[in-house]
Amino acid sequence: MAHILVYLQRTPAGLHPGSAVALCRARDIGSERGATITAVCPGDAGALDKGIAAAAGRFGADVLVFGGPKGLQTLFQQLNPVHVLVPWTEEGLAVSNELPSGPAVPRWLTTRRPAWGGADSITAVVAGTLPWHALPEALEAEYQSDVDEVPQPAWVSTVVQPDDKQPPVFGLGGTPLRWHASSAPDSDTLAALGRLGAEPATSAKDAIRPGGTVLWMSPDPVPSELVERPSSVRLVVLPGDGTGLDPSWRAADWVFPGPAVAALEAVLDSPWAPSRG
């Protein structure tokens, strides 16, 4: 049996979008080639693990493991996977750099059927499309023996209170929505922003609101204020046409290609639209 490994990164809003679309792509490859999809998430985050388990099953994992400090490396040695997929984030790249088949090849996944084919030995995924699987899978997670040795970020203890029934699973972003552009958007884009409930910001820093979502509408690199934003703030980059991968996108949750209107309309039509809660 062939295996595909997918690294799951936690965020205060649930599973990171790069991990979500990586799982969807892995599911398609696995279904075509008869491979098992094993998802691995670092550490034990208590009640938040239920949300990660729900997301992993929904987007295509067959097996979920909450791992120790070397969780991904251990599974790599055990399973000898044909592919490993991680989000193109600082965290995803850090864990992939410890694998012998690296370095990771960054790929901007903008469609279910990418022109670049299956996957690389290690693929670092930029989320440029919405997840396309919604499978009714309920996974029973496995825990490695050293799972408690993984330190969790401070926000983990504040996201879910003991009496909460549903931990965060996955979301495009929270409210309020604020946008900032390097040039004035056209009337169609402004109308789409209005339908989404997004308000203009005077600067990148002004766009940041606790628990909210920032729309950075520019082909320019993501400014340092947004790179260093609080962990509760989602970042959606809309670089427009004709742009290639920018290193600053490692700080983004989503990078939607093409005209901003099309991307915003796709968000509006999705079940994860921020304005819908």
Protein backbone atom coordinates (compact mmCIF):
# COMPACT_ATOMS: atom_id res chain seq x y z
CA MET A 1 0.00 0.00 0.00
CA ALA A 2 1.31 3.42 -0.97
CA HIS A 3 1.11 6.27 1.52
CA ILE A 4 0.77 10.04 1.33
CA LEU A 5 1.55 12.19 4.37
CA VAL A 6 -0.09 15.58 4.99
CA TYR A 7 1.00 17.94 7.75
CA LEU A 8 -1.85 19.69 9.56
CA GLN A 9 -1.18 23.13 11.00
CA ARG A 10 -3.47 24.47 13.72
CA THR A 11 -4.75 28.04 13.81
CA PRO A 12 -7.22 29.76 16.15
CA ALA A 13 -9.85 29.35 13.39
CA GLY A 14 -9.20 25.62 13.00
CA LEU A 15 -7.18 23.92 10.29
CA HIS A 16 -4.86 26.14 8.23
CA PRO A 17 -6.17 26.60 4.65
CA GLY A 18 -2.87 25.35 3.19
CA SER A 19 -3.34 22.07 5.03
CA ALA A 20 -7.02 21.91 4.01
CA VAL A 21 -6.42 22.16 0.26
CA ALA A 22 -3.34 19.93 0.58
CA LEU A 23 -5.60 17.26 2.07
CA CYS A 24 -8.10 17.66 -0.77
CA ARG A 25 -5.33 17.27 -3.35
CA ALA A 26 -3.86 14.30 -1.51
CA ARG A 27 -7.31 12.69 -1.41
CA ASP A 28 -7.64 12.94 -5.18
CA ILE A 29 -4.16 11.52 -5.76
CA GLY A 30 -4.79 8.75 -3.25
CA SER A 31 -8.09 7.80 -4.85
CA GLU A 32 -6.49 7.65 -8.30
CA ARG A 33 -3.46 5.63 -7.20
CA GLY A 34 -4.75 3.56 -4.30
CA ALA A 35 -2.77 5.39 -1.62
CA THR A 36 -3.68 5.88 2.03
CA ILE A 37 -3.79 9.48 3.27
CA THR A 38 -2.25 9.91 6.72
CA ALA A 39 -2.55 13.31 8.36
CA VAL A 40 -0.26 14.33 11.21
CA CYS A 41 -0.76 17.25 13.59
CA PRO A 42 1.76 18.23 16.28
CA GLY A 43 1.00 17.81 19.96
CA ASP A 44 -2.09 17.48 22.13
CA ALA A 45 -4.25 20.62 22.16
CA GLY A 46 -7.08 19.18 24.23
CA ALA A 47 -10.55 20.09 22.97
CA LEU A 48 -9.09 21.69 19.84
CA ASP A 49 -8.08 18.23 18.63
CA LYS A 50 -11.76 17.46 17.97
CA GLY A 51 -11.91 20.31 15.48
CA ILE A 52 -8.75 19.15 13.71
CA ALA A 53 -10.12 15.59 13.57
CA ALA A 54 -13.36 16.85 12.02
CA ALA A 55 -11.46 18.87 9.41
CA ALA A 56 -9.09 16.00 8.61
CA GLY A 57 -11.98 13.64 7.93
CA ARG A 58 -13.95 16.22 5.97
CA PHE A 59 -11.11 17.04 3.59
CA GLY A 60 -9.88 13.54 2.87
CA ALA A 61 -7.63 11.91 5.46
CA ASP A 62 -7.91 8.17 6.11
CA VAL A 63 -5.79 8.24 9.26
CA LEU A 64 -5.05 11.02 11.76
CA VAL A 65 -2.07 11.01 14.10
CA PHE A 66 -1.29 13.60 16.76
CA GLY A 67 2.46 13.43 16.91
CA GLY A 68 5.35 14.18 19.20
CA PRO A 69 8.28 16.53 18.51
CA LYS A 70 9.44 14.31 15.62
CA GLY A 71 5.97 13.14 14.60
CA LEU A 72 6.26 13.81 10.88
CA GLN A 73 9.77 12.37 10.69
CA THR A 74 8.70 9.23 12.58
CA LEU A 75 5.80 8.58 10.22
CA PHE A 76 8.02 9.29 7.24
CA GLN A 77 10.41 6.55 8.37
CA GLN A 78 7.59 4.12 9.13
CA LEU A 79 5.49 4.63 6.01
CA ASN A 80 8.05 5.64 3.35
CA PRO A 81 5.45 7.87 1.66
CA VAL A 82 5.41 8.59 -2.04
CA HIS A 83 4.41 12.20 -1.31
CA VAL A 84 4.46 14.60 1.63
CA LEU A 85 2.37 17.76 1.57
CA VAL A 86 2.77 20.66 4.00
CA PRO A 87 1.40 24.22 4.02
CA TRP A 88 3.77 26.85 2.61
CA THR A 89 4.21 28.53 5.99
CA GLU A 90 7.17 28.98 8.30
CA GLU A 91 5.87 26.07 10.38
CA GLY A 92 5.28 23.81 7.41
CA LEU A 93 8.69 24.51 5.91
CA ALA A 94 10.42 23.99 9.25
CA VAL A 95 9.06 20.46 9.65
CA SER A 96 9.64 19.57 6.00
CA ASN A 97 13.28 20.66 6.23
CA GLU A 98 13.87 17.82 8.68
CA LEU A 99 12.90 15.18 6.11
CA PRO A 100 15.57 13.50 3.95
CA SER A 101 13.67 13.90 0.67
CA GLY A 102 13.53 17.72 0.81
CA PRO A 103 13.62 20.54 0.24
CA ALA A 104 9.92 21.19 -0.29
CA VAL A 105 8.79 22.45 -3.68
CA PRO A 106 6.36 25.38 -3.29
CA ARG A 107 3.19 25.02 -5.34
CA TRP A 108 0.35 27.49 -5.68
CA LEU A 109 -2.73 25.27 -5.75
CA THR A 110 -5.32 27.35 -7.61
CA THR A 111 -7.47 24.57 -9.07
CA ARG A 112 -8.46 21.01 -8.27
CA ARG A 113 -6.52 19.77 -11.31
CA PRO A 114 -3.23 21.71 -11.34
CA ALA A 115 -1.09 21.82 -14.46
CA TRP A 116 1.91 20.60 -12.47
CA GLY A 117 0.33 17.18 -12.00
CA GLY A 118 0.34 14.98 -8.91
CA ALA A 119 2.75 16.07 -6.20
CA ASP A 120 6.46 16.30 -5.51
CA SER A 121 8.41 14.27 -2.98
CA ILE A 122 7.60 17.15 -0.63
CA THR A 123 5.13 19.79 -1.76
CA ALA A 124 4.58 23.05 0.14
CA VAL A 125 1.06 24.19 -0.71
CA VAL A 126 -0.19 27.77 -1.06
CA ALA A 127 -3.99 27.80 -0.72
CA GLY A 128 -5.22 29.47 -3.90
CA THR A 129 -8.62 27.78 -4.04
CA LEU A 130 -11.32 26.73 -1.62
CA PRO A 131 -11.42 23.12 -0.35
CA TRP A 132 -13.53 20.96 -2.64
CA HIS A 133 -14.17 17.88 -0.50
CA ALA A 134 -16.75 17.62 2.27
CA LEU A 135 -16.61 13.95 3.20
CA PRO A 136 -18.75 12.52 6.02
CA GLU A 137 -15.77 10.86 7.66
CA ALA A 138 -15.39 10.65 11.44
CA LEU A 139 -11.79 9.85 12.33
CA GLU A 140 -10.58 8.29 15.57
CA ALA A 141 -7.17 9.84 16.06
CA GLU A 142 -4.04 8.06 17.19
CA TYR A 143 -1.61 9.70 19.63
CA GLN A 144 2.12 9.08 19.65
CA SER A 145 3.61 8.33 23.06
CA ASP A 146 5.56 11.61 23.23
CA VAL A 147 2.71 13.84 22.07
CA ASP A 148 2.73 15.82 25.33
CA GLU A 149 6.31 16.95 24.68
CA VAL A 150 5.17 19.36 21.96
CA PRO A 151 4.69 22.90 23.35
CA GLN A 152 1.52 24.61 22.19
CA PRO A 153 1.23 28.34 21.44
CA ALA A 154 -0.36 30.53 24.09
CA TRP A 155 -3.57 31.02 22.10
CA VAL A 156 -4.48 27.32 22.41
CA SER A 157 -5.61 27.75 26.03
CA THR A 158 -7.85 30.71 25.15
CA VAL A 159 -9.64 29.57 21.98
CA VAL A 160 -11.90 26.94 23.53
CA GLN A 161 -13.32 27.20 27.03
CA PRO A 162 -14.21 23.99 28.93
CA ASP A 163 -17.96 24.41 28.41
CA ASP A 164 -17.71 24.98 24.65
CA LYS A 165 -19.36 22.19 22.68
CA GLN A 166 -17.80 22.78 19.27
CA PRO A 167 -14.15 23.72 18.79
CA PRO A 168 -13.21 25.55 15.59
CA VAL A 169 -12.94 23.21 12.60
CA PHE A 170 -12.22 25.39 9.57
CA GLY A 171 -13.11 28.84 8.33
CA LEU A 172 -12.08 31.33 5.71
CA GLY A 173 -11.88 34.07 8.27
CA GLY A 174 -13.68 35.96 10.98
CA THR A 175 -15.19 39.39 11.22
CA PRO A 176 -14.67 42.28 10.94
CA LEU A 177 -13.30 42.26 7.40
CA ARG A 178 -10.98 45.09 6.38
CA TRP A 179 -9.29 45.60 3.04
CA HIS A 180 -6.32 47.63 1.88
CA ALA A 181 -5.13 48.00 -1.70
CA SER A 182 -2.01 49.44 -3.30
CA SER A 183 -4.22 51.12 -5.93
CA ALA A 184 -7.87 52.09 -6.01
CA PRO A 185 -10.13 49.11 -6.86
CA ASP A 186 -12.58 49.43 -9.75
CA SER A 187 -16.32 49.76 -9.21
CA ASP A 188 -17.03 46.03 -9.66
CA THR A 189 -14.43 45.13 -7.05
CA LEU A 190 -15.77 47.75 -4.65
CA ALA A 191 -19.27 46.33 -5.10
CA ALA A 192 -18.04 42.80 -4.36
CA LEU A 193 -16.22 44.04 -1.27
CA GLY A 194 -19.43 45.70 -0.14
CA ARG A 195 -21.43 42.50 -0.60
CA LEU A 196 -18.86 40.67 1.47
CA GLY A 197 -19.18 43.26 4.21
CA ALA A 198 -15.55 44.39 3.97
CA GLU A 199 -14.61 47.92 5.01
CA PRO A 200 -11.64 49.93 3.71
CA ALA A 201 -8.60 50.52 5.92
CA THR A 202 -6.30 53.52 5.75
CA SER A 203 -3.17 51.34 6.00
CA ALA A 204 -2.11 47.73 6.40
CA LYS A 205 -1.81 48.24 10.14
CA ASP A 206 -5.25 49.84 10.31
CA ALA A 207 -6.74 46.73 8.67
CA ILE A 208 -5.88 44.52 11.65
CA ARG A 209 -8.72 43.80 14.06
CA PRO A 210 -8.73 41.03 16.72
CA GLY A 211 -10.36 37.90 15.33
CA GLY A 212 -10.94 39.55 11.98
CA THR A 213 -9.82 39.09 8.39
CA VAL A 214 -7.52 41.30 6.32
CA LEU A 215 -7.78 41.44 2.54
CA TRP A 216 -4.41 42.55 1.12
CA MET A 217 -5.17 43.57 -2.48
CA SER A 218 -1.81 44.11 -4.12
CA PRO A 219 0.90 42.36 -6.15
CA ASP A 220 3.41 43.85 -3.71
CA PRO A 221 4.91 41.72 -0.92
CA VAL A 222 2.88 41.40 2.25
CA PRO A 223 4.00 44.24 4.55
CA SER A 224 5.66 43.45 7.86
CA GLU A 225 2.66 44.72 9.84
CA LEU A 226 0.56 41.92 8.34
CA VAL A 227 3.29 39.30 8.52
CA GLU A 228 3.56 39.97 12.26
CA ARG A 229 -0.20 40.26 12.90
CA PRO A 230 -1.86 38.48 15.86
CA SER A 231 -2.49 34.77 15.31
CA SER A 232 -6.27 35.30 15.50
CA VAL A 233 -6.28 37.43 12.32
CA ARG A 234 -6.70 35.72 8.95
CA LEU A 235 -4.84 37.14 5.94
CA VAL A 236 -6.26 36.81 2.41
CA VAL A 237 -3.98 38.01 -0.39
CA LEU A 238 -5.44 39.08 -3.75
CA PRO A 239 -2.38 39.81 -5.94
CA GLY A 240 -4.20 40.03 -9.28
CA ASP A 241 -3.11 38.59 -12.61
CA GLY A 242 0.41 37.74 -13.72
CA THR A 243 2.02 37.27 -10.34
CA GLY A 244 4.34 34.49 -9.24
CA LEU A 245 5.03 33.08 -5.81
CA ASP A 246 6.25 35.71 -3.38
CA PRO A 247 8.16 34.64 -0.24
CA SER A 248 5.97 36.90 1.90
CA TRP A 249 2.96 34.72 1.07
CA ARG A 250 4.22 32.26 3.65
CA ALA A 251 2.48 34.53 6.16
CA ALA A 252 -0.87 34.33 4.34
CA ASP A 253 -3.77 31.99 4.91
CA TRP A 254 -5.10 32.28 1.36
CA VAL A 255 -3.70 33.68 -1.90
CA PHE A 256 -6.43 33.82 -4.54
CA PRO A 257 -5.24 34.37 -8.14
CA GLY A 258 -6.74 36.40 -10.94
CA PRO A 259 -9.23 39.26 -10.86
CA ALA A 260 -10.29 40.23 -7.36
CA VAL A 261 -13.99 40.20 -8.31
CA ALA A 262 -13.90 36.50 -9.22
CA ALA A 263 -12.10 35.60 -6.00
CA LEU A 264 -14.49 37.64 -3.86
CA GLU A 265 -17.53 36.12 -5.56
CA ALA A 266 -16.14 32.63 -4.89
CA VAL A 267 -15.75 33.54 -1.24
CA LEU A 268 -19.32 34.88 -1.12
CA ASP A 269 -20.65 31.63 -2.56
CA SER A 270 -18.66 29.43 -0.18
CA PRO A 271 -19.96 27.96 3.09
CA TRP A 272 -17.02 29.64 4.86
CA ALA A 273 -17.77 33.26 3.95
CA PRO A 274 -16.73 35.39 6.95
CA SER A 275 -19.87 37.52 6.75
CA ARG A 276 -21.91 34.40 7.41
CA GLY A 277 -20.12 33.73 10.68
